[in-house]
Amino acid sequence: MYFCFMKSAPVQSSASLATLRLSAVILFSFFCLLLIHSSAYAQDSAAALHQQKLIHKKRVPLITAVNVAGYGTSLVIFNNTWYKNYPRTSFHTFNDSREWLQMDKAGHAWAAYNTGRATTAMWQWAGLNNSKATLIGGLSGTVYLSVIEILDGFTEKWGWSWADMGANLFGSGLFIGQQLVWEEQRIQFKFSFHKKNYSDPQLNDRSDDLFGGNWAERMLKDYNGQTYWLSANLKSFFPESNLPAWLNVAAGYGAEGMFGGFENIWEDGDPGFPVNRTDIKRYRQWYLAPDIDFSKIKTSRKAVKVLLDFLNAFKFPAPAIELSKGRLKVNAIQF
């Protein structure tokens, strides 16, 4: 999610750009997972025959080509379908660190983390050892998103965001650090979403205009319904315990009451009629909830393994304790 400053760019355009970017990252990341796990047993068989991990000479060029083609094609599409429609300028920066109560920054970090997770699996399949695969694959998300930030920097309506880059590096660093130290992801970066509906028709209309009307668009663009989680596997930290291997505990962050990037003021209709809804409080939410580490569920079926790896990027719905507006409450099910 890559929303930019609101001074010169309309919110709708910023939201649309965010959707294009996040969709590309998600699709490429999970294409990587599908490719890897469709050949997972071939990797095991090769390892058994050779009795050591060697770089497969035919796989390295293949994975290189997949990365170059995947990243390169999406960047060309971005440039031709989006950026060319806006005036170019000299390279410049802007500060969007206070936008959307930092929910968009959490989206940056999540995308970088999960892109690194998927791309590293590709390089491991190609035969690279854990360190090389982790460094090359783990930085892929940040490198890819950095190129997009550069395109923003040369576009009049946006600019290079240091806050976005910090979030990208956090996501990649979370993955790389754990993989190098533990060779596993004991703390996973996850995402969940629930569609918001309001009793006030004006807010529903605003949400439709700003975030889209269907569920898929809302999931990608409506920060009021998104939650980002750091989900820790208990058995990994306490291996001698009798805890189930799949049991996680997750800390989540969300926010609500946002109908604009920085404030709840917008223009409605054409010509624009000013709307001031600063009466609606914008607030943060903090959660604590149980979760499932799907990677710990053992299976011999490749299709199930693919599904479990896909699901591990998302938080399992469960009861949660919420802290918001200075009060604690218990939610029967938190998405």
Protein backbone atom coordinates (compact mmCIF):
# COMPACT_ATOMS: atom_id res chain seq x y z
CA MET A 1 0.00 0.00 0.00
CA TYR A 2 1.72 3.05 -1.18
CA PHE A 3 -0.35 6.16 -0.60
CA CYS A 4 1.23 9.48 -1.36
CA PHE A 5 0.82 13.06 -0.22
CA MET A 6 -2.60 14.66 -0.45
CA LYS A 7 -1.62 18.23 -1.29
CA SER A 8 -1.67 17.87 -5.05
CA ALA A 9 -2.92 14.33 -5.68
CA PRO A 10 -6.56 13.39 -5.20
CA VAL A 11 -7.21 10.63 -2.72
CA GLN A 12 -8.84 8.43 -5.34
CA SER A 13 -5.75 8.49 -7.55
CA SER A 14 -3.48 7.70 -4.62
CA ALA A 15 -5.70 4.80 -3.59
CA SER A 16 -5.77 3.43 -7.13
CA LEU A 17 -1.97 3.50 -7.31
CA ALA A 18 -1.81 1.68 -4.00
CA THR A 19 -4.07 -1.06 -5.34
CA LEU A 20 -1.97 -1.55 -8.48
CA ARG A 21 1.25 -1.83 -6.51
CA LEU A 22 0.04 -4.10 -3.75
CA SER A 23 -1.76 -6.37 -6.22
CA ALA A 24 1.43 -6.82 -8.24
CA VAL A 25 3.49 -7.64 -5.15
CA ILE A 26 0.93 -10.13 -3.84
CA LEU A 27 0.47 -11.88 -7.19
CA PHE A 28 4.20 -12.16 -7.84
CA SER A 29 4.93 -13.34 -4.30
CA PHE A 30 2.44 -16.15 -4.36
CA PHE A 31 3.33 -17.10 -7.91
CA CYS A 32 6.78 -17.75 -6.44
CA LEU A 33 5.26 -19.97 -3.75
CA LEU A 34 3.25 -21.93 -6.32
CA LEU A 35 6.32 -22.49 -8.48
CA ILE A 36 8.42 -23.67 -5.56
CA HIS A 37 5.98 -26.06 -4.01
CA SER A 38 4.93 -27.56 -7.31
CA SER A 39 8.52 -28.86 -7.43
CA ALA A 40 9.10 -29.37 -3.70
CA TYR A 41 9.35 -33.14 -3.96
CA ALA A 42 11.68 -32.89 -6.93
CA GLN A 43 14.02 -30.89 -4.68
CA ASP A 44 13.87 -33.55 -1.97
CA SER A 45 14.56 -36.30 -4.49
CA ALA A 46 17.55 -34.47 -5.96
CA ALA A 47 18.96 -33.85 -2.50
CA ALA A 48 18.68 -37.53 -1.65
CA LEU A 49 20.44 -38.57 -4.87
CA HIS A 50 23.31 -36.13 -4.61
CA GLN A 51 23.52 -36.31 -0.79
CA GLN A 52 24.32 -32.62 -0.59
CA LYS A 53 22.86 -29.25 -1.50
CA LEU A 54 24.31 -28.14 -4.82
CA ILE A 55 23.32 -25.29 -7.06
CA HIS A 56 21.26 -26.81 -9.84
CA LYS A 57 22.78 -25.39 -13.00
CA LYS A 58 19.48 -25.42 -14.85
CA ARG A 59 17.45 -23.91 -12.03
CA VAL A 60 19.54 -20.80 -11.36
CA PRO A 61 18.97 -19.36 -14.87
CA LEU A 62 15.30 -20.29 -14.61
CA ILE A 63 14.81 -18.48 -11.31
CA THR A 64 16.83 -15.51 -12.57
CA ALA A 65 14.60 -15.31 -15.65
CA VAL A 66 11.42 -15.58 -13.57
CA ASN A 67 12.51 -12.74 -11.29
CA VAL A 68 13.68 -10.49 -14.12
CA ALA A 69 10.55 -11.16 -16.17
CA GLY A 70 8.16 -10.83 -13.24
CA TYR A 71 9.61 -7.67 -11.75
CA GLY A 72 10.49 -6.11 -15.09
CA THR A 73 7.11 -6.70 -16.69
CA SER A 74 5.20 -5.26 -13.75
CA LEU A 75 7.38 -2.14 -13.72
CA VAL A 76 6.82 -1.61 -17.46
CA ILE A 77 3.08 -2.00 -16.88
CA PHE A 78 3.17 0.53 -14.04
CA ASN A 79 5.05 3.02 -16.15
CA ASN A 80 2.85 2.64 -19.24
CA THR A 81 -0.54 2.44 -17.56
CA TRP A 82 -0.06 4.84 -14.66
CA TYR A 83 2.96 7.11 -14.52
CA LYS A 84 2.85 8.24 -18.15
CA ASN A 85 -0.54 9.85 -17.44
CA TYR A 86 1.01 12.31 -15.00
CA PRO A 87 3.55 15.10 -15.60
CA ARG A 88 7.19 14.24 -14.88
CA THR A 89 9.45 16.51 -12.88
CA SER A 90 12.90 16.57 -11.34
CA PHE A 91 13.54 14.08 -8.55
CA HIS A 92 11.94 15.19 -5.29
CA THR A 93 10.84 13.81 -1.92
CA PHE A 94 7.83 14.30 0.33
CA ASN A 95 6.86 13.39 3.87
CA ASP A 96 3.81 11.15 4.20
CA SER A 97 4.82 9.62 7.53
CA ARG A 98 1.63 10.85 9.28
CA GLU A 99 -0.79 9.68 6.60
CA TRP A 100 -3.47 7.04 7.35
CA LEU A 101 -2.16 6.69 10.93
CA GLN A 102 0.79 4.75 9.44
CA MET A 103 -1.43 1.89 8.23
CA ASP A 104 0.01 2.25 4.73
CA LYS A 105 3.51 1.84 6.18
CA ALA A 106 2.45 -1.43 7.79
CA GLY A 107 1.29 -2.49 4.33
CA HIS A 108 4.69 -1.66 2.86
CA ALA A 109 6.44 -3.76 5.50
CA TRP A 110 4.04 -6.69 5.05
CA ALA A 111 4.54 -6.68 1.27
CA ALA A 112 8.35 -6.55 1.57
CA TYR A 113 8.37 -9.36 4.17
CA ASN A 114 6.17 -11.74 2.20
CA THR A 115 7.82 -11.01 -1.12
CA GLY A 116 11.15 -11.85 0.52
CA ARG A 117 9.69 -15.03 1.98
CA ALA A 118 8.44 -16.25 -1.39
CA THR A 119 11.48 -15.20 -3.41
CA THR A 120 13.91 -16.78 -0.95
CA ALA A 121 12.06 -20.08 -1.38
CA MET A 122 12.71 -19.82 -5.11
CA TRP A 123 16.46 -19.42 -4.61
CA GLN A 124 16.57 -22.25 -2.10
CA TRP A 125 14.87 -24.46 -4.67
CA ALA A 126 17.55 -23.40 -7.15
CA GLY A 127 20.20 -24.78 -4.77
CA LEU A 128 21.57 -21.68 -3.05
CA ASN A 129 22.44 -22.15 0.61
CA ASN A 130 20.36 -20.45 3.29
CA SER A 131 22.56 -17.35 3.60
CA LYS A 132 22.76 -16.57 -0.12
CA ALA A 133 19.12 -17.35 -0.80
CA THR A 134 18.04 -15.22 2.16
CA LEU A 135 20.11 -12.17 1.22
CA ILE A 136 19.18 -12.27 -2.46
CA GLY A 137 15.54 -13.19 -1.98
CA GLY A 138 14.98 -11.25 1.22
CA LEU A 139 16.02 -7.97 -0.35
CA SER A 140 13.96 -8.52 -3.50
CA GLY A 141 10.86 -6.84 -2.09
CA THR A 142 12.74 -3.74 -0.97
CA VAL A 143 14.65 -3.46 -4.26
CA TYR A 144 11.44 -3.81 -6.26
CA LEU A 145 9.58 -1.26 -4.15
CA SER A 146 12.59 1.10 -4.26
CA VAL A 147 12.35 1.24 -8.05
CA ILE A 148 8.70 2.21 -7.72
CA GLU A 149 9.66 4.90 -5.20
CA ILE A 150 12.13 6.27 -7.77
CA LEU A 151 9.31 6.46 -10.33
CA ASP A 152 7.28 8.35 -7.71
CA GLY A 153 10.22 10.68 -7.17
CA PHE A 154 10.15 11.78 -10.80
CA THR A 155 6.35 12.20 -10.94
CA GLU A 156 4.84 15.59 -10.16
CA LYS A 157 1.90 14.31 -8.10
CA TRP A 158 4.02 12.10 -5.83
CA GLY A 159 7.61 11.84 -4.67
CA TRP A 160 10.19 9.65 -2.98
CA SER A 161 9.04 8.78 0.55
CA TRP A 162 11.67 8.02 3.18
CA ALA A 163 8.92 6.70 5.45
CA ASP A 164 7.92 4.17 2.79
CA MET A 165 11.54 3.09 2.40
CA GLY A 166 11.92 2.68 6.14
CA ALA A 167 8.86 0.41 6.19
CA ASN A 168 10.21 -1.61 3.24
CA LEU A 169 13.52 -2.15 5.01
CA PHE A 170 11.76 -3.15 8.22
CA GLY A 171 9.79 -5.84 6.40
CA SER A 172 12.84 -7.21 4.61
CA GLY A 173 14.94 -6.97 7.78
CA LEU A 174 12.38 -8.90 9.82
CA PHE A 175 12.53 -11.76 7.35
CA ILE A 176 16.30 -11.72 6.74
CA GLY A 177 17.27 -11.43 10.41
CA GLN A 178 15.21 -14.43 11.48
CA GLN A 179 16.26 -16.55 8.52
CA LEU A 180 19.96 -15.94 9.10
CA VAL A 181 19.82 -16.47 12.87
CA TRP A 182 17.21 -19.24 13.20
CA GLU A 183 16.79 -20.50 9.61
CA GLU A 184 13.05 -20.23 10.17
CA GLN A 185 10.42 -17.56 10.68
CA ARG A 186 9.50 -17.71 14.35
CA ILE A 187 7.72 -14.35 14.09
CA GLN A 188 5.60 -14.01 10.97
CA PHE A 189 4.13 -10.86 9.46
CA LYS A 190 0.43 -11.41 8.74
CA PHE A 191 -2.60 -9.54 7.45
CA SER A 192 -6.36 -9.67 8.07
CA PHE A 193 -9.35 -7.71 6.85
CA HIS A 194 -13.04 -7.13 7.55
CA LYS A 195 -15.32 -4.96 5.44
CA LYS A 196 -16.68 -1.91 7.25
CA ASN A 197 -20.30 -0.82 6.94
CA TYR A 198 -21.62 2.40 8.48
CA SER A 199 -25.05 3.49 9.67
CA ASP A 200 -24.33 6.93 8.21
CA PRO A 201 -25.08 6.85 4.42
CA GLN A 202 -22.60 9.67 3.82
CA LEU A 203 -19.76 7.56 5.21
CA ASN A 204 -20.79 4.56 3.13
CA ASP A 205 -20.82 6.72 0.01
CA ARG A 206 -17.44 8.18 0.91
CA SER A 207 -16.01 4.68 1.46
CA ASP A 208 -17.32 3.51 -1.91
CA ASP A 209 -15.76 6.50 -3.67
CA LEU A 210 -12.50 6.33 -1.77
CA PHE A 211 -11.90 2.60 -1.33
CA GLY A 212 -14.16 0.93 -3.91
CA GLY A 213 -17.49 -0.82 -3.62
CA ASN A 214 -16.59 -4.50 -3.83
CA TRP A 215 -14.89 -6.68 -1.23
CA ALA A 216 -11.61 -7.11 -3.15
CA GLU A 217 -11.07 -3.37 -3.61
CA ARG A 218 -11.91 -2.70 0.01
CA MET A 219 -9.43 -5.33 1.19
CA LEU A 220 -6.62 -3.62 -0.70
CA LYS A 221 -7.53 0.01 -0.03
CA ASP A 222 -9.70 0.42 3.07
CA TYR A 223 -7.33 0.90 6.01
CA ASN A 224 -10.29 1.06 8.39
CA GLY A 225 -10.83 -2.67 7.92
CA GLN A 226 -7.21 -3.85 7.80
CA THR A 227 -5.11 -5.27 10.63
CA TYR A 228 -1.41 -6.18 10.53
CA TRP A 229 -0.02 -8.81 12.90
CA LEU A 230 3.29 -10.05 14.23
CA SER A 231 2.54 -13.69 14.98
CA ALA A 232 5.01 -15.64 17.14
CA ASN A 233 5.23 -19.43 17.18
CA LEU A 234 5.39 -20.53 20.83
CA LYS A 235 6.88 -23.98 20.22
CA SER A 236 9.81 -22.45 18.35
CA PHE A 237 10.71 -20.36 21.41
CA PHE A 238 9.94 -23.12 23.93
CA PRO A 239 10.91 -26.36 22.15
CA GLU A 240 10.80 -28.48 25.33
CA SER A 241 7.20 -27.52 26.11
CA ASN A 242 4.12 -29.60 25.33
CA LEU A 243 2.53 -26.76 23.36
CA PRO A 244 1.07 -27.64 19.93
CA ALA A 245 3.57 -26.95 17.15
CA TRP A 246 1.02 -24.89 15.24
CA LEU A 247 0.04 -22.55 18.11
CA ASN A 248 0.96 -18.87 17.73
CA VAL A 249 0.20 -15.73 19.70
CA ALA A 250 -0.22 -12.56 17.63
CA ALA A 251 -0.03 -8.84 18.36
CA GLY A 252 -1.98 -6.72 15.89
CA TYR A 253 -2.25 -3.07 14.82
CA GLY A 254 -5.20 -1.38 13.12
CA ALA A 255 -6.92 2.00 12.88
CA GLU A 256 -10.40 3.37 12.21
CA GLY A 257 -12.28 6.57 11.53
CA MET A 258 -10.17 7.50 8.48
CA PHE A 259 -11.94 9.03 5.47
CA GLY A 260 -8.94 10.91 4.10
CA GLY A 261 -5.18 10.56 4.21
CA PHE A 262 -4.54 13.17 6.89
CA GLU A 263 -7.97 14.44 7.96
CA ASN A 264 -11.66 13.76 7.43
CA ILE A 265 -12.29 16.63 5.04
CA TRP A 266 -13.14 16.11 1.37
CA GLU A 267 -15.15 17.43 -1.57
CA ASP A 268 -18.30 15.68 -2.71
CA GLY A 269 -19.81 15.84 -6.19
CA ASP A 270 -18.80 17.84 -9.27
CA PRO A 271 -18.27 20.70 -8.70
CA GLY A 272 -16.94 19.70 -5.31
CA PHE A 273 -19.11 20.42 -2.30
CA PRO A 274 -16.95 20.72 0.84
CA VAL A 275 -17.57 18.08 3.50
CA ASN A 276 -16.11 18.42 7.00
CA ARG A 277 -16.35 15.32 9.18
CA THR A 278 -13.67 16.12 11.70
CA ASP A 279 -16.28 15.13 14.30
CA ILE A 280 -15.31 11.51 13.52
CA LYS A 281 -12.41 10.44 15.71
CA ARG A 282 -9.43 8.83 13.99
CA TYR A 283 -7.93 6.28 16.38
CA ARG A 284 -5.49 3.37 16.63
CA GLN A 285 -6.29 -0.19 17.70
CA TRP A 286 -4.02 -2.73 19.36
CA TYR A 287 -4.83 -6.44 19.53
CA LEU A 288 -3.69 -9.64 21.20
CA ALA A 289 -5.01 -12.95 19.87
CA PRO A 290 -4.17 -16.63 19.30
CA ASP A 291 -3.16 -17.67 15.80
CA ILE A 292 -2.17 -20.69 13.70
CA ASP A 293 1.20 -21.31 12.04
CA PHE A 294 0.05 -23.20 8.98
CA SER A 295 3.63 -24.15 8.07
CA LYS A 296 3.71 -26.41 11.13
CA ILE A 297 0.84 -28.53 9.87
CA LYS A 298 2.37 -31.64 8.33
CA THR A 299 1.09 -32.91 4.99
CA SER A 300 2.36 -35.06 2.15
CA ARG A 301 0.03 -33.51 -0.42
CA LYS A 302 1.60 -30.84 -2.60
CA ALA A 303 -1.66 -28.98 -3.23
CA VAL A 304 -2.33 -28.75 0.51
CA LYS A 305 1.23 -27.54 1.13
CA VAL A 306 0.75 -24.75 -1.42
CA LEU A 307 -2.51 -23.73 0.25
CA LEU A 308 -0.96 -23.73 3.73
CA ASP A 309 1.98 -21.57 2.63
CA PHE A 310 -0.45 -19.15 1.02
CA LEU A 311 -2.57 -18.98 4.18
CA ASN A 312 0.46 -18.32 6.38
CA ALA A 313 0.57 -14.71 5.15
CA PHE A 314 -2.84 -14.12 6.73
CA LYS A 315 -4.07 -14.09 10.32
CA PHE A 316 -6.53 -16.83 11.29
CA PRO A 317 -9.82 -15.37 12.64
CA ALA A 318 -9.96 -15.82 16.41
CA PRO A 319 -11.11 -14.09 19.62
CA ALA A 320 -8.99 -11.06 20.47
CA ILE A 321 -8.38 -8.51 23.19
CA GLU A 322 -8.54 -4.96 21.79
CA LEU A 323 -7.11 -1.78 23.27
CA SER A 324 -8.50 1.38 21.66
CA LYS A 325 -9.72 4.79 22.79
CA GLY A 326 -8.11 4.07 26.15
CA ARG A 327 -10.36 1.06 26.83
CA LEU A 328 -9.97 -2.72 26.77
CA LYS A 329 -12.59 -4.97 25.22
CA VAL A 330 -12.89 -8.56 24.03
CA ASN A 331 -13.94 -9.31 20.44
CA ALA A 332 -15.56 -12.71 19.91
CA ILE A 333 -13.95 -12.98 16.44
CA GLN A 334 -11.35 -10.61 15.05
CA PHE A 335 -10.65 -10.68 11.32
